[in-house]
Amino acid sequence: MNEHRYADADIAAVERAIAERRDIRHFVPGELPAGLLERLVEAAHLAPSVGYMQPTRFVRVADPERRAALWRVVEAERQATGAALTSRNAEFMTLKIEGIREAAEVLVVALMPGREPHIFGRRTLPEMDVASAACGIQNMWLLARAEGIGLGWVSFFDPDAVAELLEMPAGARPIAILCIGPVAEFTPQPLLETLGWGRRLPLEDVLFEERWPAGAGATPKAY
């Protein structure tokens, strides 16, 4: 008997949120329920952070003109990425970023300035600040899904341009734009899997025993 174990229904709910979480690209009109945005940020703030450095900061972007400027920064990188994906340019360009203009809420996630002295857990792995922030974003994603609200993570943008637009201090680094709002549906499969960009790898391709087998775990074919 494990006294710390959740009830079966609670465990099933956690597993369902994990399985049904989706990276949302299309939103419908509507606002978030009162207090939900704060709860989402609180969920992120409760996530683990390496060395308890708590590096994650959020900038809410609500002004239509600033959102439009943010969209232009992202659109410029979308065009550049599409040009680099020469063999699949047409397919990539069908992926839209209108959530930045249409979603109920937009949050830019950034790493705080002055991270360099925080070496607890980061001396040889400085990227653990990004990993810590990602843990928080996943918490937000799962809570949003449980609430029936969509969340999309936009990652193609020039971080320097976003930092300038949002008047971030020197050393702060934006790593994500989160579009959050009501959706028409949560698809059975991830969008990119549905569009043929990739497939979910079987566990035997990602879980090894004791050592990394020769020839195993290669990166899936890229585009």
Protein backbone atom coordinates (compact mmCIF):
# COMPACT_ATOMS: atom_id res chain seq x y z
CA MET A 1 0.00 0.00 0.00
CA ASN A 2 1.44 3.36 -1.06
CA GLU A 3 -0.10 6.12 1.01
CA HIS A 4 1.24 8.76 -1.36
CA ARG A 5 -0.48 7.31 -4.44
CA TYR A 6 -3.31 9.25 -6.02
CA ALA A 7 -6.70 7.68 -6.62
CA ASP A 8 -7.05 5.72 -9.86
CA ALA A 9 -9.34 8.36 -11.38
CA ASP A 10 -6.85 11.11 -10.61
CA ILE A 11 -3.98 9.15 -12.16
CA ALA A 12 -6.09 8.50 -15.24
CA ALA A 13 -6.86 12.22 -15.52
CA VAL A 14 -3.16 13.10 -15.42
CA GLU A 15 -2.35 10.49 -18.05
CA ARG A 16 -5.24 11.69 -20.21
CA ALA A 17 -4.01 15.29 -20.13
CA ILE A 18 -0.52 14.11 -21.12
CA ALA A 19 -1.85 12.00 -24.00
CA GLU A 20 -4.34 14.58 -25.30
CA ARG A 21 -2.15 17.68 -25.06
CA ARG A 22 -1.75 19.33 -28.46
CA ASP A 23 0.30 22.17 -29.90
CA ILE A 24 -2.54 24.37 -31.11
CA ARG A 25 -2.34 26.54 -34.23
CA HIS A 26 -6.01 27.47 -34.73
CA PHE A 27 -8.16 29.31 -32.21
CA VAL A 28 -11.78 30.44 -32.06
CA PRO A 29 -13.09 33.74 -30.69
CA GLY A 30 -13.55 33.97 -26.95
CA GLU A 31 -11.80 34.83 -23.72
CA LEU A 32 -10.24 32.69 -21.04
CA PRO A 33 -12.33 31.95 -17.95
CA ALA A 34 -11.72 34.45 -15.17
CA GLY A 35 -8.54 33.72 -13.28
CA LEU A 36 -7.28 31.01 -15.63
CA LEU A 37 -4.35 32.99 -17.01
CA GLU A 38 -3.04 33.53 -13.49
CA ARG A 39 -3.52 29.84 -12.70
CA LEU A 40 -1.57 28.87 -15.83
CA VAL A 41 1.33 31.11 -14.86
CA GLU A 42 1.17 29.77 -11.31
CA ALA A 43 1.37 26.23 -12.70
CA ALA A 44 4.50 27.23 -14.59
CA HIS A 45 5.94 28.88 -11.50
CA LEU A 46 5.43 25.65 -9.52
CA ALA A 47 7.57 23.69 -11.98
CA PRO A 48 11.03 22.48 -10.96
CA SER A 49 14.02 24.63 -11.84
CA VAL A 50 17.64 23.55 -11.74
CA GLY A 51 19.36 24.92 -8.63
CA TYR A 52 16.01 26.56 -7.76
CA MET A 53 17.08 29.48 -9.92
CA GLN A 54 13.51 30.19 -11.14
CA PRO A 55 14.70 31.75 -14.41
CA THR A 56 11.36 32.08 -16.19
CA ARG A 57 9.64 35.41 -16.81
CA PHE A 58 6.41 36.12 -18.71
CA VAL A 59 5.36 39.16 -20.72
CA ARG A 60 1.66 39.36 -21.53
CA VAL A 61 1.06 40.99 -24.90
CA ALA A 62 -2.48 42.35 -25.25
CA ASP A 63 -2.09 45.60 -27.21
CA PRO A 64 -3.20 44.95 -30.83
CA GLU A 65 -0.39 47.04 -32.32
CA ARG A 66 2.27 45.28 -30.29
CA ARG A 67 0.76 41.92 -31.19
CA ALA A 68 0.86 42.91 -34.86
CA ALA A 69 4.53 43.86 -34.50
CA LEU A 70 5.23 40.54 -32.79
CA TRP A 71 3.44 38.74 -35.63
CA ARG A 72 5.68 40.50 -38.17
CA VAL A 73 8.81 39.33 -36.34
CA VAL A 74 7.53 35.75 -36.38
CA GLU A 75 6.36 35.95 -39.99
CA ALA A 76 9.83 37.05 -41.09
CA GLU A 77 11.37 33.96 -39.51
CA ARG A 78 8.57 31.75 -40.87
CA GLN A 79 9.46 32.93 -44.37
CA ALA A 80 13.18 32.33 -43.74
CA THR A 81 12.54 28.85 -42.34
CA GLY A 82 10.32 28.01 -45.29
CA ALA A 83 13.06 29.06 -47.70
CA ALA A 84 15.55 26.84 -45.86
CA LEU A 85 13.20 23.85 -46.09
CA THR A 86 13.64 23.68 -49.83
CA SER A 87 12.11 20.24 -50.34
CA ARG A 88 9.04 20.89 -48.18
CA ASN A 89 8.65 24.63 -48.47
CA ALA A 90 5.08 24.52 -49.76
CA GLU A 91 3.95 22.21 -46.95
CA PHE A 92 5.67 24.27 -44.29
CA MET A 93 4.12 27.51 -45.50
CA THR A 94 0.64 26.10 -44.87
CA LEU A 95 1.42 26.21 -41.14
CA LYS A 96 -0.02 29.45 -39.88
CA ILE A 97 0.92 31.73 -36.99
CA GLU A 98 -2.37 33.60 -36.77
CA GLY A 99 -2.74 32.63 -33.12
CA ILE A 100 -0.52 35.58 -32.27
CA ARG A 101 -3.26 37.86 -33.58
CA GLU A 102 -6.31 35.71 -32.82
CA ALA A 103 -5.75 33.89 -29.52
CA ALA A 104 -7.33 35.24 -26.36
CA GLU A 105 -3.94 35.61 -24.70
CA VAL A 106 -0.32 35.80 -25.83
CA LEU A 107 2.57 35.33 -23.42
CA VAL A 108 6.22 35.70 -24.32
CA VAL A 109 8.36 33.45 -22.15
CA ALA A 110 11.86 34.71 -21.43
CA LEU A 111 14.87 33.83 -19.34
CA MET A 112 15.82 36.42 -16.74
CA PRO A 113 19.01 38.46 -17.06
CA GLY A 114 21.91 37.76 -14.73
CA ARG A 115 21.71 33.98 -15.06
CA GLU A 116 25.47 33.47 -15.33
CA PRO A 117 26.25 33.33 -11.57
CA HIS A 118 23.67 30.56 -11.10
CA ILE A 119 25.96 27.56 -11.58
CA PHE A 120 24.20 25.10 -9.24
CA GLY A 121 23.43 22.30 -11.71
CA ARG A 122 24.56 24.46 -14.64
CA ARG A 123 28.34 24.65 -14.43
CA THR A 124 28.78 22.08 -17.21
CA LEU A 125 25.21 22.31 -18.56
CA PRO A 126 24.34 26.01 -18.82
CA GLU A 127 21.33 25.17 -20.99
CA MET A 128 19.52 23.97 -17.86
CA ASP A 129 17.95 27.42 -17.64
CA VAL A 130 16.07 26.63 -20.85
CA ALA A 131 15.19 23.16 -19.55
CA SER A 132 13.80 24.71 -16.37
CA ALA A 133 11.60 27.10 -18.36
CA ALA A 134 10.38 24.23 -20.55
CA CYS A 135 9.22 22.35 -17.44
CA GLY A 136 7.03 25.32 -16.61
CA ILE A 137 5.59 25.52 -20.12
CA GLN A 138 4.66 21.83 -19.97
CA ASN A 139 2.83 22.45 -16.69
CA MET A 140 0.86 25.22 -18.37
CA TRP A 141 0.08 22.99 -21.35
CA LEU A 142 -1.34 20.22 -19.21
CA LEU A 143 -3.49 22.53 -17.11
CA ALA A 144 -4.75 24.30 -20.23
CA ARG A 145 -5.71 20.96 -21.78
CA ALA A 146 -7.51 19.88 -18.61
CA GLU A 147 -9.47 23.15 -18.78
CA GLY A 148 -10.33 22.57 -22.45
CA ILE A 149 -8.18 25.51 -23.54
CA GLY A 150 -5.65 25.40 -26.36
CA LEU A 151 -2.01 26.43 -26.10
CA GLY A 152 0.43 26.78 -28.98
CA TRP A 153 4.19 27.24 -28.64
CA VAL A 154 5.69 29.43 -31.37
CA SER A 155 9.46 29.08 -31.58
CA PHE A 156 10.47 30.60 -34.89
CA PHE A 157 11.46 34.19 -34.24
CA ASP A 158 14.55 36.34 -33.87
CA PRO A 159 15.03 36.53 -30.09
CA ASP A 160 16.88 39.83 -30.32
CA ALA A 161 14.00 41.40 -32.24
CA VAL A 162 11.45 40.15 -29.72
CA ALA A 163 13.58 41.35 -26.81
CA GLU A 164 13.80 44.81 -28.38
CA LEU A 165 10.07 44.94 -29.10
CA LEU A 166 9.20 44.10 -25.50
CA GLU A 167 11.91 46.35 -24.04
CA MET A 168 13.63 43.50 -22.21
CA PRO A 169 16.77 44.30 -20.23
CA ALA A 170 20.18 43.26 -21.50
CA GLY A 171 20.77 39.58 -20.87
CA ALA A 172 17.12 38.57 -20.91
CA ARG A 173 16.38 36.05 -23.66
CA PRO A 174 12.95 35.19 -25.08
CA ILE A 175 12.55 31.48 -25.81
CA ALA A 176 8.85 31.00 -26.56
CA ILE A 177 5.69 32.74 -27.65
CA LEU A 178 2.61 31.06 -26.18
CA CYS A 179 -0.79 31.54 -27.81
CA ILE A 180 -3.62 30.58 -25.46
CA GLY A 181 -7.36 30.48 -26.05
CA PRO A 182 -10.53 28.55 -26.85
CA VAL A 183 -10.35 26.05 -29.71
CA ALA A 184 -12.85 24.24 -31.92
CA GLU A 185 -11.25 20.84 -31.32
CA PHE A 186 -8.31 18.86 -30.02
CA THR A 187 -7.25 16.54 -32.82
CA PRO A 188 -6.69 12.82 -32.14
CA GLN A 189 -3.09 13.11 -33.36
CA PRO A 190 -0.54 15.93 -33.22
CA LEU A 191 -0.94 18.28 -36.18
CA LEU A 192 2.52 17.62 -37.61
CA GLU A 193 1.94 13.88 -37.47
CA THR A 194 -1.36 14.32 -39.29
CA LEU A 195 0.42 16.38 -41.95
CA GLY A 196 3.11 13.75 -42.41
CA TRP A 197 6.04 15.63 -40.88
CA GLY A 198 6.90 12.75 -38.60
CA ARG A 199 5.55 9.95 -36.44
CA ARG A 200 5.70 9.05 -32.79
CA LEU A 201 8.72 6.79 -32.30
CA PRO A 202 8.18 3.47 -30.51
CA LEU A 203 9.58 3.26 -26.98
CA GLU A 204 12.22 0.72 -28.00
CA ASP A 205 13.76 3.43 -30.19
CA VAL A 206 14.21 5.83 -27.28
CA LEU A 207 14.73 3.64 -24.18
CA PHE A 208 18.01 1.76 -23.78
CA GLU A 209 19.32 -0.52 -21.01
CA GLU A 210 22.68 0.17 -19.39
CA ARG A 211 24.34 1.59 -22.52
CA TRP A 212 23.59 3.12 -25.92
CA PRO A 213 23.49 0.22 -28.42
CA ALA A 214 25.61 0.61 -31.53
CA GLY A 215 23.58 2.03 -34.39
CA ALA A 216 20.51 2.69 -32.24
CA GLY A 217 18.70 5.91 -31.53
CA ALA A 218 19.59 7.77 -34.68
CA THR A 219 17.81 11.03 -35.35
CA PRO A 220 14.71 10.47 -37.53
CA LYS A 221 15.08 11.57 -41.12
CA ALA A 222 14.76 15.34 -41.37
CA TYR A 223 12.31 16.72 -43.93
